[in-house]
Protein backbone atom coordinates (compact mmCIF):
# COMPACT_ATOMS: atom_id res chain seq x y z
CA MET A 1 0.00 0.00 0.00
CA SER A 2 1.33 3.45 -0.88
CA ARG A 3 2.46 5.71 1.96
CA ALA A 4 2.53 8.84 -0.19
CA PRO A 5 -0.05 10.69 1.97
CA GLU A 6 2.24 10.43 5.03
CA LEU A 7 4.37 13.48 4.16
CA PRO A 8 1.41 15.87 3.72
CA ARG A 9 0.00 14.52 6.99
CA VAL A 10 3.26 15.30 8.80
CA LEU A 11 3.40 18.77 7.26
CA ARG A 12 -0.17 19.42 8.31
CA GLY A 13 0.69 18.35 11.84
CA VAL A 14 3.67 20.72 11.90
CA LEU A 15 1.52 23.60 10.68
CA ILE A 16 -1.13 22.86 13.31
CA CYS A 17 1.50 22.95 16.06
CA LEU A 18 3.44 25.92 14.71
CA GLY A 19 1.18 28.70 16.03
CA PRO A 20 0.84 27.39 19.61
CA VAL A 21 4.58 26.63 19.78
CA LEU A 22 5.63 30.10 18.61
CA VAL A 23 3.21 31.80 20.98
CA GLY A 24 4.39 29.49 23.76
CA LEU A 25 8.01 30.47 23.19
CA TYR A 26 7.06 34.16 23.27
CA VAL A 27 5.02 33.74 26.46
CA ALA A 28 7.77 31.72 28.13
CA ALA A 29 10.39 34.34 27.32
CA THR A 30 8.53 37.56 28.13
CA THR A 31 6.01 36.89 30.92
CA PHE A 32 8.21 36.71 33.99
CA GLY A 33 11.09 38.72 35.42
CA GLY A 34 11.74 41.02 32.49
CA GLY A 35 12.76 38.25 30.09
CA THR A 36 13.01 38.94 26.36
CA PHE A 37 12.21 36.97 23.22
CA ARG A 38 14.75 38.78 21.03
CA PRO A 39 17.40 38.27 22.16
CA TRP A 40 16.35 34.99 23.71
CA HIS A 41 16.63 35.55 27.46
CA PRO A 42 13.78 33.99 29.48
CA VAL A 43 13.77 33.85 33.28
CA MET A 44 12.63 30.27 33.88
CA VAL A 45 13.41 30.07 37.57
CA ASP A 46 11.90 26.63 38.18
CA LEU A 47 13.55 25.05 35.18
CA GLU A 48 16.87 26.34 36.48
CA VAL A 49 16.14 24.67 39.83
CA TYR A 50 15.62 21.37 38.00
CA ARG A 51 18.85 21.84 36.07
CA SER A 52 20.72 22.68 39.28
CA ALA A 53 19.39 19.54 40.93
CA GLY A 54 20.60 17.49 37.96
CA ARG A 55 24.06 19.05 38.12
CA VAL A 56 24.36 18.42 41.86
CA LEU A 57 23.26 14.81 41.40
CA LEU A 58 25.96 14.32 38.77
CA ARG A 59 28.54 15.59 41.25
CA GLY A 60 27.25 13.25 43.94
CA GLY A 61 25.95 16.08 46.14
CA ASP A 62 22.70 16.70 47.98
CA PHE A 63 20.21 18.21 45.55
CA TYR A 64 17.91 19.05 48.47
CA ALA A 65 20.44 21.67 49.63
CA LEU A 66 20.88 23.88 46.58
CA PRO A 67 22.52 27.28 46.83
CA GLY A 68 20.07 30.17 46.78
CA SER A 69 16.54 30.66 48.09
CA LEU A 70 14.72 28.33 45.68
CA GLN A 71 15.06 24.69 46.63
CA PHE A 72 14.33 21.39 44.90
CA LEU A 73 11.30 19.87 46.66
CA TYR A 74 10.31 16.99 44.39
CA PRO A 75 10.90 13.25 44.93
CA PRO A 76 14.35 11.90 44.01
CA PHE A 77 13.09 10.44 40.72
CA ALA A 78 12.50 13.98 39.46
CA ALA A 79 16.16 14.81 40.07
CA VAL A 80 17.21 11.73 38.11
CA LEU A 81 15.06 12.89 35.19
CA ALA A 82 16.61 16.36 35.45
CA VAL A 83 20.10 15.08 34.61
CA PRO A 84 19.65 15.40 30.81
CA LEU A 85 18.48 19.00 31.33
CA ALA A 86 21.68 19.71 33.24
CA LEU A 87 23.80 18.43 30.35
CA LEU A 88 22.20 20.70 27.75
CA PRO A 89 23.10 24.34 27.13
CA ALA A 90 20.67 26.62 28.97
CA TRP A 91 19.04 28.02 25.81
CA LEU A 92 18.48 24.57 24.34
CA ALA A 93 16.98 23.26 27.56
CA GLN A 94 14.66 26.29 27.74
CA VAL A 95 13.50 26.04 24.14
CA GLY A 96 13.13 22.27 24.25
CA TRP A 97 11.23 22.36 27.55
CA THR A 98 8.82 25.01 26.26
CA VAL A 99 8.17 23.27 22.94
CA ALA A 100 7.62 19.95 24.72
CA GLY A 101 5.20 21.61 27.14
CA VAL A 102 3.12 23.13 24.34
CA LEU A 103 3.07 19.83 22.45
CA ALA A 104 1.97 18.03 25.63
CA LEU A 105 -0.88 20.51 26.01
CA LEU A 106 -1.92 19.93 22.39
CA ALA A 107 -1.85 16.17 23.02
CA VAL A 108 -4.27 16.67 25.93
CA LEU A 109 -6.59 18.77 23.76
CA HIS A 110 -6.41 16.14 21.01
CA ARG A 111 -7.29 13.36 23.45
CA PHE A 112 -10.41 15.36 24.37
CA GLY A 113 -11.52 15.42 20.75
CA MET A 114 -9.91 18.54 19.28
CA HIS A 115 -8.18 18.24 15.91
CA GLY A 116 -7.13 20.21 12.85
CA TRP A 117 -7.16 23.99 12.89
CA ALA A 118 -9.58 24.03 15.81
CA LEU A 119 -6.86 22.30 17.82
CA SER A 120 -4.30 24.87 16.70
CA LEU A 121 -6.49 27.87 17.54
CA LEU A 122 -7.62 26.50 20.89
CA GLY A 123 -4.05 25.57 21.80
CA THR A 124 -2.87 29.05 20.93
CA GLY A 125 -5.65 30.57 23.01
CA CYS A 126 -4.79 28.40 26.02
CA VAL A 127 -1.11 29.33 25.80
CA TRP A 128 -1.93 33.04 25.57
CA PHE A 129 -4.94 33.47 27.90
CA VAL A 130 -5.10 30.66 30.49
CA GLU A 131 -3.09 31.92 33.45
CA PRO A 132 -1.98 28.52 34.84
CA VAL A 133 -0.64 27.56 31.41
CA VAL A 134 1.06 30.94 30.98
CA GLU A 135 2.77 30.71 34.36
CA THR A 136 3.79 27.09 33.80
CA LEU A 137 5.58 28.03 30.58
CA ALA A 138 7.07 31.22 32.02
CA PHE A 139 8.47 29.52 35.14
CA GLY A 140 9.63 26.43 33.25
CA GLN A 141 7.33 24.37 35.45
CA LEU A 142 6.22 20.77 34.84
CA GLY A 143 2.47 20.95 35.53
CA ILE A 144 1.49 20.49 31.88
CA PHE A 145 3.54 17.28 31.68
CA LEU A 146 1.87 15.85 34.79
CA VAL A 147 -1.62 16.51 33.43
CA ALA A 148 -0.63 15.06 30.05
CA LEU A 149 0.78 11.87 31.59
CA VAL A 150 -2.45 11.22 33.50
CA VAL A 151 -4.81 12.18 30.67
CA LEU A 152 -2.98 10.20 28.00
CA ASP A 153 -2.87 7.23 30.37
CA LEU A 154 -6.44 7.16 31.66
CA VAL A 155 -8.71 9.05 29.27
CA PRO A 156 -9.94 7.24 26.15
CA GLY A 157 -9.88 9.09 22.85
CA PRO A 158 -7.98 9.67 19.63
CA ARG A 159 -4.24 9.05 19.72
CA VAL A 160 -1.60 11.26 18.18
CA LEU A 161 0.68 8.23 17.67
CA ARG A 162 -0.35 4.64 17.20
CA LEU A 163 2.11 2.58 19.20
CA GLY A 164 2.54 -1.09 19.89
CA ARG A 165 1.89 -4.04 17.61
CA ASP A 166 -1.88 -3.53 17.77
CA GLY A 167 -1.69 0.24 17.36
CA GLY A 168 -2.71 0.69 20.99
CA ARG A 169 -0.70 1.19 24.17
CA LEU A 170 3.03 0.88 24.43
CA LEU A 171 2.92 0.79 28.24
CA PRO A 172 0.25 -0.76 30.47
CA GLU A 173 -2.49 1.52 31.74
CA GLY A 174 -1.43 3.03 35.05
CA SER A 175 2.26 3.28 34.18
CA LEU A 176 2.24 6.91 33.02
CA THR A 177 0.14 7.91 36.02
CA ALA A 178 2.73 6.29 38.29
CA LEU A 179 5.52 8.21 36.58
CA ALA A 180 3.62 11.44 37.19
CA ALA A 181 3.24 10.54 40.87
CA ALA A 182 6.93 9.64 41.11
CA VAL A 183 7.84 13.09 39.80
CA LYS A 184 5.37 14.95 42.02
CA LEU A 185 3.33 13.19 44.68
CA THR A 186 -0.02 14.87 43.98
CA PRO A 187 -1.04 12.62 41.03
CA ALA A 188 -0.94 9.64 43.41
CA ILE A 189 -4.65 10.34 44.00
CA PHE A 190 -5.27 8.79 40.58
CA VAL A 191 -3.78 5.52 41.78
CA VAL A 192 -6.46 5.50 44.50
CA TYR A 193 -9.02 6.29 41.80
CA LEU A 194 -7.91 3.27 39.77
CA LEU A 195 -8.36 1.04 42.80
CA ALA A 196 -11.77 2.54 43.59
CA VAL A 197 -13.11 1.94 40.05
CA ARG A 198 -11.70 -1.61 40.14
CA ARG A 199 -9.22 -1.17 37.33
CA THR A 200 -7.10 -3.77 39.05
CA ARG A 201 -4.54 -4.27 36.30
CA ALA A 202 -3.97 -0.55 35.96
CA PHE A 203 -3.71 -0.17 39.73
CA VAL A 204 -1.13 -2.96 39.97
CA ALA A 205 0.82 -1.53 37.04
CA ALA A 206 0.84 1.89 38.69
CA VAL A 207 2.03 0.54 42.03
CA LEU A 208 4.76 -1.62 40.49
CA THR A 209 5.95 1.20 38.21
CA GLY A 210 6.04 3.65 41.09
CA LEU A 211 7.97 1.25 43.29
CA ALA A 212 10.40 0.44 40.48
CA VAL A 213 11.35 4.03 39.67
CA THR A 214 11.52 4.92 43.37
CA LEU A 215 13.93 2.04 44.00
CA VAL A 216 16.03 3.03 40.99
CA SER A 217 16.21 6.56 42.37
CA ALA A 218 17.27 5.19 45.76
CA VAL A 219 20.11 3.28 44.11
CA VAL A 220 21.24 6.36 42.19
CA ALA A 221 20.94 8.76 45.16
CA PRO A 222 20.63 6.71 48.38
CA ALA A 223 21.36 9.46 50.91
CA ALA A 224 19.10 12.03 49.28
CA SER A 225 16.31 9.47 48.90
CA LEU A 226 16.52 8.44 52.55
CA GLY A 227 16.48 12.07 53.64
CA PHE A 228 13.50 12.99 51.44
CA TRP A 229 11.25 10.12 52.50
CA SER A 230 12.26 10.47 56.16
CA ARG A 231 11.42 14.18 56.20
CA LEU A 232 8.14 13.53 54.39
CA ALA A 233 7.20 10.84 56.92
CA HIS A 234 7.64 13.47 59.66
CA GLY A 235 5.45 15.97 57.79
CA ASP A 236 8.27 18.23 56.61
CA THR A 237 7.53 19.46 53.07
CA GLY A 238 10.40 21.96 53.10
CA LEU A 239 8.05 24.85 52.28
CA GLY A 240 8.00 26.60 55.65
CA HIS A 241 5.99 29.83 55.74
CA SER A 242 5.64 29.90 51.96
CA ILE A 243 2.59 27.67 52.35
CA ILE A 244 0.57 30.82 53.14
CA TYR A 245 1.64 32.58 49.93
CA TYR A 246 -1.37 34.04 48.12
CA THR A 247 -1.09 31.93 44.95
CA ASN A 248 -1.34 28.74 47.01
CA GLN A 249 -5.00 27.91 46.39
CA SER A 250 -5.28 24.67 48.36
CA ALA A 251 -7.53 23.88 51.29
CA MET A 252 -4.51 23.80 53.61
CA ALA A 253 -3.43 27.30 52.56
CA ASP A 254 -6.87 28.77 53.21
CA VAL A 255 -6.99 27.27 56.70
CA VAL A 256 -3.53 28.44 57.79
CA ARG A 257 -4.02 31.91 56.33
CA VAL A 258 -7.10 32.32 58.53
CA PHE A 259 -5.99 30.50 61.69
CA GLY A 260 -2.22 30.90 61.56
CA LEU A 261 0.68 28.50 61.29
CA GLY A 262 0.17 26.58 64.52
CA SER A 263 -0.11 22.80 64.85
CA ALA A 264 -3.87 22.94 65.43
CA ALA A 265 -4.44 24.86 62.19
CA ALA A 266 -2.14 22.47 60.32
CA ALA A 267 -4.07 19.47 61.65
CA GLY A 268 -7.36 21.09 60.68
CA GLY A 269 -5.99 21.86 57.23
CA LEU A 270 -4.86 18.28 56.70
CA LEU A 271 -8.27 17.00 57.81
CA LEU A 272 -10.00 19.29 55.32
CA CYS A 273 -7.60 18.13 52.59
CA ALA A 274 -8.48 14.51 53.35
CA VAL A 275 -12.22 15.25 53.19
CA VAL A 276 -11.84 17.04 49.85
CA ALA A 277 -9.80 14.13 48.47
CA VAL A 278 -12.44 11.60 49.53
CA VAL A 279 -15.28 13.65 48.03
CA GLY A 280 -13.31 14.12 44.81
CA VAL A 281 -12.47 10.45 44.37
CA TRP A 282 -16.05 9.49 45.26
CA ALA A 283 -17.41 11.86 42.61
CA ALA A 284 -14.88 10.57 40.07
CA VAL A 285 -15.90 6.97 40.75
CA ARG A 286 -19.58 7.79 40.24
CA TRP A 287 -18.90 9.48 36.88
CA HIS A 288 -16.59 6.67 35.80
CA ARG A 289 -19.25 4.07 36.50
CA ALA A 290 -21.74 6.15 34.51
CA GLY A 291 -19.41 5.93 31.51
CA ASP A 292 -18.02 9.49 31.54
CA VAL A 293 -14.35 8.75 32.12
CA MET A 294 -13.28 12.17 30.84
CA MET A 295 -15.28 14.01 33.49
CA ALA A 296 -14.25 11.46 36.13
CA VAL A 297 -10.55 12.07 35.54
CA ASN A 298 -11.06 15.85 35.54
CA LEU A 299 -12.96 15.75 38.83
CA CYS A 300 -10.14 13.72 40.33
CA GLY A 301 -7.70 16.29 38.95
CA VAL A 302 -9.60 19.14 40.62
CA ALA A 303 -9.63 17.20 43.89
CA SER A 304 -5.87 16.64 43.65
CA LEU A 305 -5.34 20.40 43.42
CA LEU A 306 -7.57 21.34 46.34
CA ALA A 307 -6.44 18.47 48.58
CA SER A 308 -2.71 18.94 48.08
CA PRO A 309 -1.17 21.06 50.86
CA VAL A 310 0.43 23.21 48.17
CA SER A 311 -1.24 24.05 44.86
CA TRP A 312 0.19 27.15 43.26
CA LEU A 313 -1.87 28.83 40.57
CA HIS A 314 0.30 27.33 37.83
CA HIS A 315 -0.68 23.85 39.03
CA PHE A 316 -4.28 24.46 37.90
CA VAL A 317 -3.67 23.34 34.32
CA TRP A 318 -6.51 20.88 34.97
CA VAL A 319 -9.00 23.63 34.11
CA VAL A 320 -8.13 23.14 30.42
CA PRO A 321 -9.39 19.53 30.07
CA LEU A 322 -12.19 20.30 32.53
CA ALA A 323 -13.44 23.05 30.21
CA LEU A 324 -13.44 20.61 27.31
CA SER A 325 -15.45 18.08 29.35
CA LEU A 326 -18.02 20.80 29.99
CA ALA A 327 -18.12 21.97 26.37
CA ARG A 328 -17.91 18.68 24.46
CA ARG A 329 -19.93 15.58 25.31
CA ALA A 330 -18.90 12.21 23.94
CA PRO A 331 -21.49 10.40 21.78
CA GLY A 332 -23.99 8.48 23.88
CA LEU A 333 -23.52 10.53 27.05
CA PRO A 334 -26.48 12.51 28.42
CA ARG A 335 -26.40 16.29 28.44
CA LEU A 336 -25.16 17.92 31.61
CA PRO A 337 -27.68 19.88 33.69
CA GLY A 338 -27.43 23.57 32.93
CA TRP A 339 -26.76 24.57 36.52
CA PHE A 340 -23.89 22.09 36.80
CA THR A 341 -22.35 23.31 33.55
CA ALA A 342 -22.63 26.90 34.76
CA LEU A 343 -20.92 26.02 38.04
CA GLY A 344 -18.13 24.26 36.17
CA TRP A 345 -17.57 27.23 33.88
CA LEU A 346 -17.62 29.56 36.90
CA PHE A 347 -14.79 27.56 38.46
CA VAL A 348 -12.82 27.51 35.19
CA GLY A 349 -13.36 31.23 34.62
CA TRP A 350 -12.36 32.10 38.17
CA VAL A 351 -9.07 30.23 37.87
CA VAL A 352 -8.32 31.70 34.44
CA ALA A 353 -9.02 35.25 35.63
CA SER A 354 -7.56 34.61 39.14
CA PRO A 355 -8.65 37.92 40.75
CA PHE A 356 -6.89 36.93 43.99
CA ARG A 357 -3.57 37.84 42.32
CA ARG A 358 -4.34 41.47 43.19
CA LEU A 359 -4.35 40.82 46.94
CA PRO A 360 -1.48 42.22 49.07
CA ASN A 361 1.17 39.55 49.43
CA GLY A 362 4.69 38.72 50.54
CA ALA A 363 6.55 38.94 53.86
CA ASP A 364 3.73 36.99 55.60
CA VAL A 365 1.27 39.84 55.00
CA GLU A 366 -1.29 37.16 54.08
CA LEU A 367 -1.66 36.45 57.81
CA THR A 368 -3.03 39.99 58.30
CA TRP A 369 -5.71 39.84 55.61
CA SER A 370 -9.24 41.01 56.42
CA TRP A 371 -12.16 38.60 56.30
CA GLY A 372 -13.07 39.91 52.86
CA GLN A 373 -9.57 39.32 51.53
CA ASN A 374 -9.53 35.80 52.95
CA LEU A 375 -12.91 35.16 51.36
CA LEU A 376 -11.58 36.29 47.99
CA ALA A 377 -8.53 34.05 48.34
CA SER A 378 -10.74 31.11 49.39
CA THR A 379 -13.14 31.40 46.46
CA THR A 380 -11.13 28.89 44.43
CA LEU A 381 -11.59 26.30 47.17
CA LEU A 382 -15.26 27.14 47.69
CA LEU A 383 -16.08 26.88 43.99
CA GLY A 384 -13.98 23.72 43.58
CA VAL A 385 -15.63 21.94 46.51
CA ALA A 386 -19.04 23.08 45.29
CA LEU A 387 -18.23 21.55 41.90
CA LEU A 388 -17.21 18.22 43.44
CA VAL A 389 -20.31 18.06 45.65
CA ALA A 390 -22.51 19.06 42.71
CA ALA A 391 -20.91 16.30 40.64
CA LEU A 392 -21.95 13.80 43.29
CA LEU A 393 -25.50 15.14 43.36
CA VAL A 394 -25.78 14.98 39.57
CA ARG A 395 -24.66 11.38 39.41
CA PHE A 396 -27.00 10.33 42.22
CA THR A 397 -30.00 12.00 40.60
CA LEU A 398 -29.48 11.12 36.93
CA PRO A 399 -30.14 7.58 35.67
CA GLN A 400 -27.04 5.60 34.73
CA HIS A 401 -27.69 4.06 31.34
CA ARG A 402 -24.13 3.24 30.40
CA HIS A 403 -20.98 1.93 32.00
CA PRO A 404 -17.31 1.76 31.06
CA ALA A 405 -15.82 -1.32 29.47
CA ARG A 406 -12.54 -2.05 27.78
CA ASP A 407 -12.24 -1.89 24.02
CA GLU A 408 -9.86 -3.86 21.83
CA GLN A 409 -6.98 -1.42 22.43
CA GLY A 410 -7.18 -1.41 26.20
CA ASP A 411 -8.95 1.95 26.31
CA VAL A 412 -12.29 2.57 27.95
CA ALA A 413 -15.25 2.21 25.62
CA LEU A 414 -18.89 2.99 26.27
CA VAL A 415 -21.18 -0.03 26.23
CA ASP A 416 -24.93 0.04 26.72
CA ARG A 417 -25.96 -2.02 29.73
CA ARG A 418 -28.94 -3.34 27.84
CA GLN A 419 -26.71 -5.15 25.36
CA PRO A 420 -26.41 -8.90 25.97
C-alpha cells in the first residue's frame, strides 16, 4: 500500500502545532522577570532549579540543599530525570522544555476530541490566555507534563501516535500515572481512583511502576532518597511559611491563612484536605461508572489540586481539560444539567481570571488579611468543593444508562448495559 499521503499529513501536523509553539516560546520568554524573546533571554526560575538539581546529582551532592533561596522539593526520581536537562546548554533546555510543554498541552486537547485547525487555535488561546498555562511556561514548570501523563494514560480518545503491535498502548495503563506521581506526589490520587473503580490491572501496574522508579532513584541517590522520605514521613515538606503565599490555592493554605501557622491549624488543614480528596475520588468513581471517564478524571484532577497542601496557581492546568469536558460531550452521554455546567464554567473562569492575584502579598502579609480578603482568596476552594459536591448530586439524581468497558486497544469504551 502506498504511503505517499504520510508526508502531507506530517506537514499538516507541523503547521497545526506551529502557532501554539511560537506563541508558547514568546510567552515563556517575556512573561516573567523582564525576560526577552529577542534576544532569547527567558527567566525560567523553576527550570533552572531542575537543572541545578541534575548538576548536583551528577557531582554526587545533595540536591535538596541547593545554593540560593529556591530549593528542589520533588521526589528523588524527578532529580534523576533532570540530569539530561543539566547536560544541555541553557538556551536549548529552555527552548526544548517550552516546545515539549506546548506539544503536551496539544496532546491533551487532542485526546479530548480537538483536531485540525480548531486544535491549533484553541491551543494558541490556552497558551496566551489561560493563566496557569502561561505561568507554567514562564516559570519552566512541569504541571502540563503531569496533566498530560495522566490524561494520556487514563482518558480514552484519539491518539496522536499509534504505538505497539496492535496500534494501541506501548505501556500498560497506570504506568504513566505512576511516573507522574513519582515526579510529584499529587497525582498519586489517581492511583487511588484506579483502585476505587476496580481497574485492578492498571492499579497494579501503577504501584509496580512507582515502586520500580523509586527504587532506581534510591540506588542512584541513596542518601538524598533516605532524607526525602524520612522528612516527608515526619510531615516536613520543606516549604515553611511559603505555604501561606497568596497563589497557594489549596484547602490547607486557606486554613492556615485564617488561623495561623500553629499545629492545630495544620491538623485542621490536613483534615480538610483529606475530606476534599475523599469527596473528589467518590465523585470521580460515580462518573466513571456512569461511563463518563473524561469528566471522572477531571474531577479527580480538581480534587488533587484542592487536597494537596500546596497548589500554586500554575498547578491548575486541569482547568483546560475540565473546560473541554463541559463543552464537548462524547457520543452516547447525556447532556449535563445547565446549573452544573454553569458552576463548572464559573470555576474555570475564576481560575483563568484569578482575581486573587491582586491581593497584598509577601513577607507573611497574608496572615493579616481582612475577612473579605480571605474570602476572595478562598473562592477557588469554595467553587472547587461546590463543583465536586454538585458532581456527586448529579450522578446520584441522573439515571445511569451506560458503563465503562474495555475496548480492543485497552482503552475505555462505552457499552450500553442493555446489550447482551
